[in-house]
Amino acid sequence: MATVFEQILDYANRADPYPLYRQLRTTPVVREADGSYVVSRYRDIVALLHDPGPVRGMW
């Protein structure tokens, strides 16, 4: 199965993106195999931009 990030970039999901949207709502923060995170909720992204403390020191 493709990672969440790969699914976001996959053109096949553009015709019907709603199953992917449902998955992103169910798990708004996903850690990928390479250690990166996919954050999909607007309020979580804004919170990270204003206070990167939770992720500071991860890189």
Protein backbone atom coordinates (compact mmCIF):
# COMPACT_ATOMS: atom_id res chain seq x y z
CA MET A 1 0.00 0.00 0.00
CA ALA A 2 1.19 3.49 -0.79
CA THR A 3 2.06 5.90 1.98
CA VAL A 4 -0.29 8.77 2.77
CA PHE A 5 2.11 11.22 1.10
CA GLU A 6 2.22 9.09 -2.05
CA GLN A 7 -1.58 8.91 -2.07
CA ILE A 8 -1.80 12.71 -1.83
CA LEU A 9 0.46 13.06 -4.87
CA ASP A 10 -1.22 10.28 -6.87
CA TYR A 11 -3.24 11.69 -9.78
CA ALA A 12 -5.60 8.71 -9.58
CA ASN A 13 -7.00 10.11 -6.32
CA ARG A 14 -7.93 13.42 -7.93
CA ALA A 15 -11.01 12.03 -9.68
CA ASP A 16 -12.48 10.92 -6.34
CA PRO A 17 -10.47 12.40 -3.44
CA TYR A 18 -13.12 11.75 -0.77
CA PRO A 19 -11.85 8.36 0.46
CA LEU A 20 -8.43 9.98 0.97
CA TYR A 21 -10.04 12.95 2.74
CA ARG A 22 -11.87 10.52 5.02
CA GLN A 23 -8.59 8.80 5.87
CA LEU A 24 -6.89 12.13 6.60
CA ARG A 25 -9.75 13.15 8.93
CA THR A 26 -9.50 9.82 10.75
CA THR A 27 -5.73 10.09 11.27
CA PRO A 28 -4.78 13.78 10.96
CA VAL A 29 -1.13 13.18 11.87
CA VAL A 30 0.66 10.29 10.20
CA ARG A 31 4.28 9.30 10.65
CA GLU A 32 5.80 8.00 7.44
CA ALA A 33 8.37 5.19 7.25
CA ASP A 34 11.16 7.71 6.61
CA GLY A 35 10.40 9.48 9.91
CA SER A 36 8.59 12.46 8.38
CA TYR A 37 5.09 13.48 9.41
CA VAL A 38 2.05 14.30 7.31
CA VAL A 39 -0.18 16.79 9.13
CA SER A 40 -3.52 17.29 7.42
CA ARG A 41 -5.71 19.43 9.70
CA TYR A 42 -5.52 23.18 9.22
CA ARG A 43 -5.59 23.97 12.94
CA ASP A 44 -2.73 21.52 13.60
CA ILE A 45 -0.64 23.07 10.83
CA VAL A 46 -1.30 26.59 12.15
CA ALA A 47 -0.39 25.47 15.68
CA LEU A 48 2.90 24.01 14.45
CA LEU A 49 3.72 27.17 12.52
CA HIS A 50 3.09 29.33 15.58
CA ASP A 51 4.77 27.01 18.09
CA PRO A 52 7.20 24.51 16.58
CA GLY A 53 8.11 23.32 20.09
CA PRO A 54 6.55 19.85 19.65
CA VAL A 55 8.76 19.17 16.63
CA ARG A 56 11.82 21.22 17.60
CA GLY A 57 14.91 19.07 17.72
CA MET A 58 13.47 16.36 15.48
CA TRP A 59 15.94 17.28 12.72
